């Protein structure tokens, strides 16, 4: 897996957080993202297990959609249908 950050301020902040905590930059990002997700879920009154259950429901819906689509439907290049050669919507 890969995450490429091309924002100087974000890089600086992650480096600063890693230096302050003595963690690697990856560990600092992981912990910060996890903490932010916990805050969001707490604000919604949702536990991690409830969030996971909701995510599983969404995955089940996608699988249902997938199973009902005609053969080869998901093999299409949807980008080609939606965007022109410059990447703008058609």
PDB file of N, CA and C in Angstrom:
ATOM      1  N   UNK A   1       0.843  -1.171   0.000  1.00  0.00           N
ATOM      2  CA  UNK A   1       0.000   0.000   0.000  1.00  0.00           C
ATOM      3  C   UNK A   1       0.892   1.239   0.000  1.00  0.00           C
ATOM      4  N   UNK A   2       0.307   2.311  -0.503  1.00  0.00           N
ATOM      5  CA  UNK A   2       1.103   3.518  -0.626  1.00  0.00           C
ATOM      6  C   UNK A   2       0.239   4.751  -0.376  1.00  0.00           C
ATOM      7  N   UNK A   3       0.832   5.730   0.262  1.00  0.00           N
ATOM      8  CA  UNK A   3       0.191   7.029   0.461  1.00  0.00           C
ATOM      9  C   UNK A   3       1.264   8.061   0.167  1.00  0.00           C
ATOM     10  N   UNK A   4       1.029   8.866  -0.841  1.00  0.00           N
ATOM     11  CA  UNK A   4       2.017   9.838  -1.273  1.00  0.00           C
ATOM     12  C   UNK A   4       1.498  11.235  -0.947  1.00  0.00           C
ATOM     13  N   UNK A   5       2.132  11.905  -0.012  1.00  0.00           N
ATOM     14  CA  UNK A   5       1.689  13.237   0.405  1.00  0.00           C
ATOM     15  C   UNK A   5       2.552  14.280  -0.289  1.00  0.00           C
ATOM     16  N   UNK A   6       1.902  15.142  -1.066  1.00  0.00           N
ATOM     17  CA  UNK A   6       2.626  16.167  -1.819  1.00  0.00           C
ATOM     18  C   UNK A   6       2.237  17.553  -1.345  1.00  0.00           C
ATOM     19  N   UNK A   7       2.083  17.681  -0.052  1.00  0.00           N
ATOM     20  CA  UNK A   7       1.722  18.967   0.531  1.00  0.00           C
ATOM     21  C   UNK A   7       2.776  19.283   1.582  1.00  0.00           C
ATOM     22  N   UNK A   8       3.502  20.355   1.381  1.00  0.00           N
ATOM     23  CA  UNK A   8       4.625  20.693   2.261  1.00  0.00           C
ATOM     24  C   UNK A   8       4.190  20.884   3.710  1.00  0.00           C
ATOM     25  N   UNK A   9       3.059  21.544   3.922  1.00  0.00           N
ATOM     26  CA  UNK A   9       2.600  21.773   5.295  1.00  0.00           C
ATOM     27  C   UNK A   9       2.228  20.455   5.977  1.00  0.00           C
ATOM     28  N   UNK A  10       1.539  19.582   5.247  1.00  0.00           N
ATOM     29  CA  UNK A  10       1.165  18.283   5.819  1.00  0.00           C
ATOM     30  C   UNK A  10       2.410  17.493   6.181  1.00  0.00           C
ATOM     31  N   UNK A  11       3.388  17.472   5.289  1.00  0.00           N
ATOM     32  CA  UNK A  11       4.633  16.752   5.554  1.00  0.00           C
ATOM     33  C   UNK A  11       5.312  17.315   6.805  1.00  0.00           C
ATOM     34  N   UNK A  12       5.373  18.645   6.882  1.00  0.00           N
ATOM     35  CA  UNK A  12       6.011  19.286   8.032  1.00  0.00           C
ATOM     36  C   UNK A  12       5.289  18.936   9.327  1.00  0.00           C
ATOM     37  N   UNK A  13       3.964  18.987   9.313  1.00  0.00           N
ATOM     38  CA  UNK A  13       3.187  18.672  10.514  1.00  0.00           C
ATOM     39  C   UNK A  13       3.363  17.217  10.940  1.00  0.00           C
ATOM     40  N   UNK A  14       3.359  16.309   9.982  1.00  0.00           N
ATOM     41  CA  UNK A  14       3.555  14.891  10.312  1.00  0.00           C
ATOM     42  C   UNK A  14       4.950  14.680  10.879  1.00  0.00           C
ATOM     43  N   UNK A  15       5.942  15.310  10.281  1.00  0.00           N
ATOM     44  CA  UNK A  15       7.312  15.180  10.791  1.00  0.00           C
ATOM     45  C   UNK A  15       7.408  15.742  12.204  1.00  0.00           C
ATOM     46  N   UNK A  16       6.787  16.890  12.431  1.00  0.00           N
ATOM     47  CA  UNK A  16       6.798  17.506  13.761  1.00  0.00           C
ATOM     48  C   UNK A  16       6.119  16.588  14.785  1.00  0.00           C
ATOM     49  N   UNK A  17       4.988  16.020  14.421  1.00  0.00           N
ATOM     50  CA  UNK A  17       4.282  15.103  15.318  1.00  0.00           C
ATOM     51  C   UNK A  17       5.131  13.867  15.609  1.00  0.00           C
ATOM     52  N   UNK A  18       5.765  13.330  14.596  1.00  0.00           N
ATOM     53  CA  UNK A  18       6.621  12.160  14.784  1.00  0.00           C
ATOM     54  C   UNK A  18       7.797  12.491  15.700  1.00  0.00           C
ATOM     55  N   UNK A  19       8.401  13.640  15.504  1.00  0.00           N
ATOM     56  CA  UNK A  19       9.520  14.055  16.359  1.00  0.00           C
ATOM     57  C   UNK A  19       9.074  14.244  17.808  1.00  0.00           C
ATOM     58  N   UNK A  20       7.913  14.868  17.996  1.00  0.00           N
ATOM     59  CA  UNK A  20       7.401  15.119  19.353  1.00  0.00           C
ATOM     60  C   UNK A  20       7.068  13.827  20.092  1.00  0.00           C
ATOM     61  N   UNK A  21       6.549  12.847  19.351  1.00  0.00           N
ATOM     62  CA  UNK A  21       6.112  11.598  19.990  1.00  0.00           C
ATOM     63  C   UNK A  21       7.170  10.508  19.966  1.00  0.00           C
ATOM     64  N   UNK A  22       8.227  10.711  19.190  1.00  0.00           N
ATOM     65  CA  UNK A  22       9.259   9.685  19.078  1.00  0.00           C
ATOM     66  C   UNK A  22       8.825   8.515  18.204  1.00  0.00           C
ATOM     67  N   UNK A  23       7.781   8.717  17.429  1.00  0.00           N
ATOM     68  CA  UNK A  23       7.278   7.666  16.547  1.00  0.00           C
ATOM     69  C   UNK A  23       7.822   7.856  15.138  1.00  0.00           C
ATOM     70  N   UNK A  24       7.641   6.812  14.331  1.00  0.00           N
ATOM     71  CA  UNK A  24       7.924   6.977  12.907  1.00  0.00           C
ATOM     72  C   UNK A  24       6.819   7.856  12.324  1.00  0.00           C
ATOM     73  N   UNK A  25       7.052   8.399  11.150  1.00  0.00           N
ATOM     74  CA  UNK A  25       6.026   9.223  10.520  1.00  0.00           C
ATOM     75  C   UNK A  25       4.780   8.388  10.232  1.00  0.00           C
ATOM     76  N   UNK A  26       4.968   7.143   9.816  1.00  0.00           N
ATOM     77  CA  UNK A  26       3.830   6.259   9.547  1.00  0.00           C
ATOM     78  C   UNK A  26       3.012   6.025  10.802  1.00  0.00           C
ATOM     79  N   UNK A  27       3.688   5.726  11.910  1.00  0.00           N
ATOM     80  CA  UNK A  27       2.983   5.485  13.174  1.00  0.00           C
ATOM     81  C   UNK A  27       2.261   6.745  13.641  1.00  0.00           C
ATOM     82  N   UNK A  28       2.885   7.898  13.452  1.00  0.00           N
ATOM     83  CA  UNK A  28       2.257   9.160  13.857  1.00  0.00           C
ATOM     84  C   UNK A  28       0.984   9.416  13.050  1.00  0.00           C
ATOM     85  N   UNK A  29       1.035   9.167  11.747  1.00  0.00           N
ATOM     86  CA  UNK A  29      -0.147   9.347  10.902  1.00  0.00           C
ATOM     87  C   UNK A  29      -1.236   8.359  11.310  1.00  0.00           C
ATOM     88  N   UNK A  30      -0.862   7.104  11.500  1.00  0.00           N
ATOM     89  CA  UNK A  30      -1.832   6.077  11.889  1.00  0.00           C
ATOM     90  C   UNK A  30      -2.534   6.454  13.182  1.00  0.00           C
ATOM     91  N   UNK A  31      -1.769   6.849  14.172  1.00  0.00           N
ATOM     92  CA  UNK A  31      -2.348   7.209  15.469  1.00  0.00           C
ATOM     93  C   UNK A  31      -3.231   8.453  15.356  1.00  0.00           C
ATOM     94  N   UNK A  32      -2.792   9.432  14.595  1.00  0.00           N
ATOM     95  CA  UNK A  32      -3.573  10.665  14.442  1.00  0.00           C
ATOM     96  C   UNK A  32      -4.887  10.398  13.709  1.00  0.00           C
ATOM     97  N   UNK A  33      -4.838   9.591  12.668  1.00  0.00           N
ATOM     98  CA  UNK A  33      -6.058   9.263  11.925  1.00  0.00           C
ATOM     99  C   UNK A  33      -7.006   8.458  12.804  1.00  0.00           C
ATOM    100  N   UNK A  34      -6.464   7.491  13.526  1.00  0.00           N
ATOM    101  CA  UNK A  34      -7.291   6.683  14.432  1.00  0.00           C
ATOM    102  C   UNK A  34      -7.961   7.574  15.486  1.00  0.00           C
ATOM    103  N   UNK A  35      -7.214   8.511  16.054  1.00  0.00           N
ATOM    104  CA  UNK A  35      -7.767   9.414  17.070  1.00  0.00           C
ATOM    105  C   UNK A  35      -8.872  10.292  16.478  1.00  0.00           C
ATOM    106  N   UNK A  36      -8.659  10.782  15.271  1.00  0.00           N
ATOM    107  CA  UNK A  36      -9.681  11.612  14.623  1.00  0.00           C
ATOM    108  C   UNK A  36     -10.940  10.797  14.342  1.00  0.00           C
ATOM    109  N   UNK A  37     -10.782   9.570  13.867  1.00  0.00           N
ATOM    110  CA  UNK A  37     -11.946   8.712  13.634  1.00  0.00           C
ATOM    111  C   UNK A  37     -12.694   8.443  14.934  1.00  0.00           C
ATOM    112  N   UNK A  38     -11.957   8.211  16.009  1.00  0.00           N
ATOM    113  CA  UNK A  38     -12.593   8.000  17.317  1.00  0.00           C
ATOM    114  C   UNK A  38     -13.408   9.224  17.729  1.00  0.00           C
ATOM    115  N   UNK A  39     -12.862  10.437  17.502  1.00  0.00           N
ATOM    116  CA  UNK A  39     -13.584  11.666  17.843  1.00  0.00           C
ATOM    117  C   UNK A  39     -14.857  11.808  17.008  1.00  0.00           C
ATOM    118  N   UNK A  40     -14.756  11.506  15.733  1.00  0.00           N
ATOM    119  CA  UNK A  40     -15.921  11.609  14.846  1.00  0.00           C
ATOM    120  C   UNK A  40     -17.000  10.623  15.275  1.00  0.00           C
ATOM    121  N   UNK A  41     -16.580   9.391  15.538  1.00  0.00           N
ATOM    122  CA  UNK A  41     -17.546   8.360  15.949  1.00  0.00           C
ATOM    123  C   UNK A  41     -18.176   8.711  17.287  1.00  0.00           C
ATOM    124  N   UNK A  42     -17.376   9.230  18.195  1.00  0.00           N
ATOM    125  CA  UNK A  42     -17.905   9.607  19.512  1.00  0.00           C
ATOM    126  C   UNK A  42     -18.921  10.739  19.369  1.00  0.00           C
ATOM    127  N   UNK A  43     -18.635  11.689  18.485  1.00  0.00           N
ATOM    128  CA  UNK A  43     -19.560  12.800  18.266  1.00  0.00           C
ATOM    129  C   UNK A  43     -20.880  12.308  17.684  1.00  0.00           C
ATOM    130  N   UNK A  44     -20.817  11.248  16.893  1.00  0.00           N
ATOM    131  CA  UNK A  44     -22.032  10.657  16.328  1.00  0.00           C
ATOM    132  C   UNK A  44     -22.686   9.693  17.306  1.00  0.00           C
ATOM    133  N   UNK A  45     -21.977   9.408  18.406  1.00  0.00           N
ATOM    134  CA  UNK A  45     -22.498   8.442  19.361  1.00  0.00           C
ATOM    135  C   UNK A  45     -22.393   7.026  18.847  1.00  0.00           C
ATOM    136  N   UNK A  46     -21.403   6.777  18.024  1.00  0.00           N
ATOM    137  CA  UNK A  46     -21.245   5.485  17.370  1.00  0.00           C
ATOM    138  C   UNK A  46     -19.960   4.824  17.842  1.00  0.00           C
ATOM    139  N   UNK A  47     -20.045   3.576  18.230  1.00  0.00           N
ATOM    140  CA  UNK A  47     -18.848   2.854  18.648  1.00  0.00           C
ATOM    141  C   UNK A  47     -18.141   2.298  17.412  1.00  0.00           C
ATOM    142  N   UNK A  48     -16.918   1.840  17.614  1.00  0.00           N
ATOM    143  CA  UNK A  48     -16.155   1.275  16.502  1.00  0.00           C
ATOM    144  C   UNK A  48     -16.856   0.042  15.952  1.00  0.00           C
ATOM    145  N   UNK A  49     -17.453  -0.781  16.825  1.00  0.00           N
ATOM    146  CA  UNK A  49     -18.136  -1.989  16.355  1.00  0.00           C
ATOM    147  C   UNK A  49     -19.381  -1.625  15.537  1.00  0.00           C
ATOM    148  N   UNK A  50     -20.078  -0.555  15.924  1.00  0.00           N
ATOM    149  CA  UNK A  50     -21.239  -0.109  15.142  1.00  0.00           C
ATOM    150  C   UNK A  50     -20.792   0.407  13.779  1.00  0.00           C
ATOM    151  N   UNK A  51     -19.697   1.119  13.771  1.00  0.00           N
ATOM    152  CA  UNK A  51     -19.159   1.634  12.522  1.00  0.00           C
ATOM    153  C   UNK A  51     -18.745   0.477  11.613  1.00  0.00           C
ATOM    154  N   UNK A  52     -18.114  -0.528  12.191  1.00  0.00           N
ATOM    155  CA  UNK A  52     -17.694  -1.707  11.426  1.00  0.00           C
ATOM    156  C   UNK A  52     -18.917  -2.445  10.880  1.00  0.00           C
ATOM    157  N   UNK A  53     -19.966  -2.558  11.684  1.00  0.00           N
ATOM    158  CA  UNK A  53     -21.192  -3.225  11.238  1.00  0.00           C
ATOM    159  C   UNK A  53     -21.812  -2.466  10.065  1.00  0.00           C
ATOM    160  N   UNK A  54     -21.811  -1.136  10.144  1.00  0.00           N
ATOM    161  CA  UNK A  54     -22.346  -0.309   9.062  1.00  0.00           C
ATOM    162  C   UNK A  54     -21.529  -0.496   7.788  1.00  0.00           C
ATOM    163  N   UNK A  55     -20.222  -0.571   7.941  1.00  0.00           N
ATOM    164  CA  UNK A  55     -19.347  -0.789   6.798  1.00  0.00           C
ATOM    165  C   UNK A  55     -19.621  -2.148   6.161  1.00  0.00           C
ATOM    166  N   UNK A  56     -19.841  -3.171   6.970  1.00  0.00           N
ATOM    167  CA  UNK A  56     -20.152  -4.504   6.440  1.00  0.00           C
ATOM    168  C   UNK A  56     -21.478  -4.497   5.682  1.00  0.00           C
ATOM    169  N   UNK A  57     -22.456  -3.739   6.166  1.00  0.00           N
ATOM    170  CA  UNK A  57     -23.734  -3.613   5.455  1.00  0.00           C
ATOM    171  C   UNK A  57     -23.521  -2.985   4.076  1.00  0.00           C
ATOM    172  N   UNK A  58     -22.680  -1.971   4.029  1.00  0.00           N
ATOM    173  CA  UNK A  58     -22.394  -1.305   2.753  1.00  0.00           C
ATOM    174  C   UNK A  58     -21.713  -2.273   1.797  1.00  0.00           C
ATOM    175  N   UNK A  59     -20.755  -3.044   2.303  1.00  0.00           N
ATOM    176  CA  UNK A  59     -20.076  -4.041   1.467  1.00  0.00           C
ATOM    177  C   UNK A  59     -21.071  -5.070   0.944  1.00  0.00           C
ATOM    178  N   UNK A  60     -22.009  -5.496   1.791  1.00  0.00           N
ATOM    179  CA  UNK A  60     -23.022  -6.467   1.378  1.00  0.00           C
ATOM    180  C   UNK A  60     -23.887  -5.894   0.254  1.00  0.00           C
ATOM    181  N   UNK A  61     -24.233  -4.607   0.350  1.00  0.00           N
ATOM    182  CA  UNK A  61     -25.018  -3.968  -0.710  1.00  0.00           C
ATOM    183  C   UNK A  61     -24.240  -3.929  -2.026  1.00  0.00           C
ATOM    184  N   UNK A  62     -22.954  -3.631  -1.957  1.00  0.00           N
ATOM    185  CA  UNK A  62     -22.129  -3.628  -3.166  1.00  0.00           C
ATOM    186  C   UNK A  62     -22.074  -5.016  -3.791  1.00  0.00           C
ATOM    187  N   UNK A  63     -21.935  -6.034  -2.968  1.00  0.00           N
ATOM    188  CA  UNK A  63     -21.898  -7.407  -3.483  1.00  0.00           C
ATOM    189  C   UNK A  63     -23.229  -7.770  -4.134  1.00  0.00           C
ATOM    190  N   UNK A  64     -24.331  -7.336  -3.544  1.00  0.00           N
ATOM    191  CA  UNK A  64     -25.648  -7.580  -4.124  1.00  0.00           C
ATOM    192  C   UNK A  64     -25.761  -6.893  -5.486  1.00  0.00           C
ATOM    193  N   UNK A  65     -25.318  -5.645  -5.573  1.00  0.00           N
ATOM    194  CA  UNK A  65     -25.332  -4.921  -6.849  1.00  0.00           C
ATOM    195  C   UNK A  65     -24.480  -5.647  -7.879  1.00  0.00           C
ATOM    196  N   UNK A  66     -23.327  -6.102  -7.446  1.00  0.00           N
ATOM    197  CA  UNK A  66     -22.409  -6.810  -8.325  1.00  0.00           C
ATOM    198  C   UNK A  66     -23.048  -8.081  -8.872  1.00  0.00           C
ATOM    199  N   UNK A  67     -23.715  -8.819  -7.998  1.00  0.00           N
ATOM    200  CA  UNK A  67     -24.292 -10.100  -8.406  1.00  0.00           C
ATOM    201  C   UNK A  67     -25.475  -9.920  -9.356  1.00  0.00           C
ATOM    202  N   UNK A  68     -26.150  -8.786  -9.324  1.00  0.00           N
ATOM    203  CA  UNK A  68     -27.331  -8.554 -10.161  1.00  0.00           C
ATOM    204  C   UNK A  68     -27.006  -7.881 -11.496  1.00  0.00           C
ATOM    205  N   UNK A  69     -25.793  -7.432 -11.657  1.00  0.00           N
ATOM    206  CA  UNK A  69     -25.406  -6.758 -12.902  1.00  0.00           C
ATOM    207  C   UNK A  69     -25.202  -7.793 -14.011  1.00  0.00           C
ATOM    208  N   UNK A  70     -25.456  -7.404 -15.256  1.00  0.00           N
ATOM    209  CA  UNK A  70     -25.219  -8.318 -16.378  1.00  0.00           C
ATOM    210  C   UNK A  70     -23.741  -8.713 -16.453  1.00  0.00           C
ATOM    211  N   UNK A  71     -23.489  -9.881 -17.016  1.00  0.00           N
ATOM    212  CA  UNK A  71     -22.110 -10.372 -17.152  1.00  0.00           C
ATOM    213  C   UNK A  71     -21.262  -9.339 -17.891  1.00  0.00           C
ATOM    214  N   UNK A  72     -20.082  -9.072 -17.372  1.00  0.00           N
ATOM    215  CA  UNK A  72     -19.144  -8.147 -17.999  1.00  0.00           C
ATOM    216  C   UNK A  72     -19.390  -6.682 -17.687  1.00  0.00           C
ATOM    217  N   UNK A  73     -20.473  -6.380 -16.988  1.00  0.00           N
ATOM    218  CA  UNK A  73     -20.814  -4.980 -16.702  1.00  0.00           C
ATOM    219  C   UNK A  73     -19.695  -4.265 -15.956  1.00  0.00           C
ATOM    220  N   UNK A  74     -19.141  -4.901 -14.950  1.00  0.00           N
ATOM    221  CA  UNK A  74     -18.121  -4.251 -14.120  1.00  0.00           C
ATOM    222  C   UNK A  74     -16.741  -4.242 -14.773  1.00  0.00           C
ATOM    223  N   UNK A  75     -16.629  -4.888 -15.954  1.00  0.00           N
ATOM    224  CA  UNK A  75     -15.353  -4.886 -16.675  1.00  0.00           C
ATOM    225  C   UNK A  75     -15.210  -3.646 -17.558  1.00  0.00           C
ATOM    226  N   UNK A  76     -16.262  -2.855 -17.667  1.00  0.00           N
ATOM    227  CA  UNK A  76     -16.231  -1.660 -18.509  1.00  0.00           C
ATOM    228  C   UNK A  76     -15.267  -0.617 -17.950  1.00  0.00           C
ATOM    229  N   UNK A  77     -14.788   0.226 -18.838  1.00  0.00           N
ATOM    230  CA  UNK A  77     -13.972   1.364 -18.420  1.00  0.00           C
ATOM    231  C   UNK A  77     -14.906   2.561 -18.250  1.00  0.00           C
ATOM    232  N   UNK A  78     -15.393   2.751 -17.027  1.00  0.00           N
ATOM    233  CA  UNK A  78     -16.355   3.820 -16.770  1.00  0.00           C
ATOM    234  C   UNK A  78     -15.727   5.203 -16.942  1.00  0.00           C
ATOM    235  N   UNK A  79     -14.441   5.329 -16.662  1.00  0.00           N
ATOM    236  CA  UNK A  79     -13.775   6.622 -16.840  1.00  0.00           C
ATOM    237  C   UNK A  79     -13.872   7.085 -18.288  1.00  0.00           C
ATOM    238  N   UNK A  80     -13.699   6.138 -19.206  1.00  0.00           N
ATOM    239  CA  UNK A  80     -13.751   6.473 -20.626  1.00  0.00           C
ATOM    240  C   UNK A  80     -15.134   6.993 -21.015  1.00  0.00           C
ATOM    241  N   UNK A  81     -16.162   6.458 -20.376  1.00  0.00           N
ATOM    242  CA  UNK A  81     -17.526   6.884 -20.681  1.00  0.00           C
ATOM    243  C   UNK A  81     -17.861   8.236 -20.043  1.00  0.00           C
ATOM    244  N   UNK A  82     -17.241   8.531 -18.923  1.00  0.00           N
ATOM    245  CA  UNK A  82     -17.601   9.729 -18.165  1.00  0.00           C
ATOM    246  C   UNK A  82     -16.732  10.946 -18.454  1.00  0.00           C
ATOM    247  N   UNK A  83     -15.464  10.708 -18.857  1.00  0.00           N
ATOM    248  CA  UNK A  83     -14.517  11.812 -18.986  1.00  0.00           C
ATOM    249  C   UNK A  83     -13.912  11.852 -20.378  1.00  0.00           C
ATOM    250  N   UNK A  84     -13.592  13.057 -20.846  1.00  0.00           N
ATOM    251  CA  UNK A  84     -12.957  13.195 -22.148  1.00  0.00           C
ATOM    252  C   UNK A  84     -11.447  12.992 -22.030  1.00  0.00           C
ATOM    253  N   UNK A  85     -10.733  13.194 -23.134  1.00  0.00           N
ATOM    254  CA  UNK A  85      -9.289  12.942 -23.169  1.00  0.00           C
ATOM    255  C   UNK A  85      -8.488  13.882 -22.270  1.00  0.00           C
ATOM    256  N   UNK A  86      -9.098  14.994 -21.830  1.00  0.00           N
ATOM    257  CA  UNK A  86      -8.432  15.923 -20.915  1.00  0.00           C
ATOM    258  C   UNK A  86      -8.801  15.670 -19.460  1.00  0.00           C
ATOM    259  N   UNK A  87      -9.641  14.647 -19.219  1.00  0.00           N
ATOM    260  CA  UNK A  87     -10.050  14.322 -17.859  1.00  0.00           C
ATOM    261  C   UNK A  87     -11.228  15.131 -17.357  1.00  0.00           C
ATOM    262  N   UNK A  88     -11.872  15.846 -18.271  1.00  0.00           N
ATOM    263  CA  UNK A  88     -13.036  16.651 -17.897  1.00  0.00           C
ATOM    264  C   UNK A  88     -14.309  15.854 -18.149  1.00  0.00           C
ATOM    265  N   UNK A  89     -15.354  16.091 -17.365  1.00  0.00           N
ATOM    266  CA  UNK A  89     -16.616  15.374 -17.587  1.00  0.00           C
ATOM    267  C   UNK A  89     -17.148  15.630 -18.991  1.00  0.00           C
ATOM    268  N   UNK A  90     -17.706  14.585 -19.586  1.00  0.00           N
ATOM    269  CA  UNK A  90     -18.285  14.724 -20.934  1.00  0.00           C
ATOM    270  C   UNK A  90     -19.614  15.435 -20.849  1.00  0.00           C
TER     271      UNK A  90
END
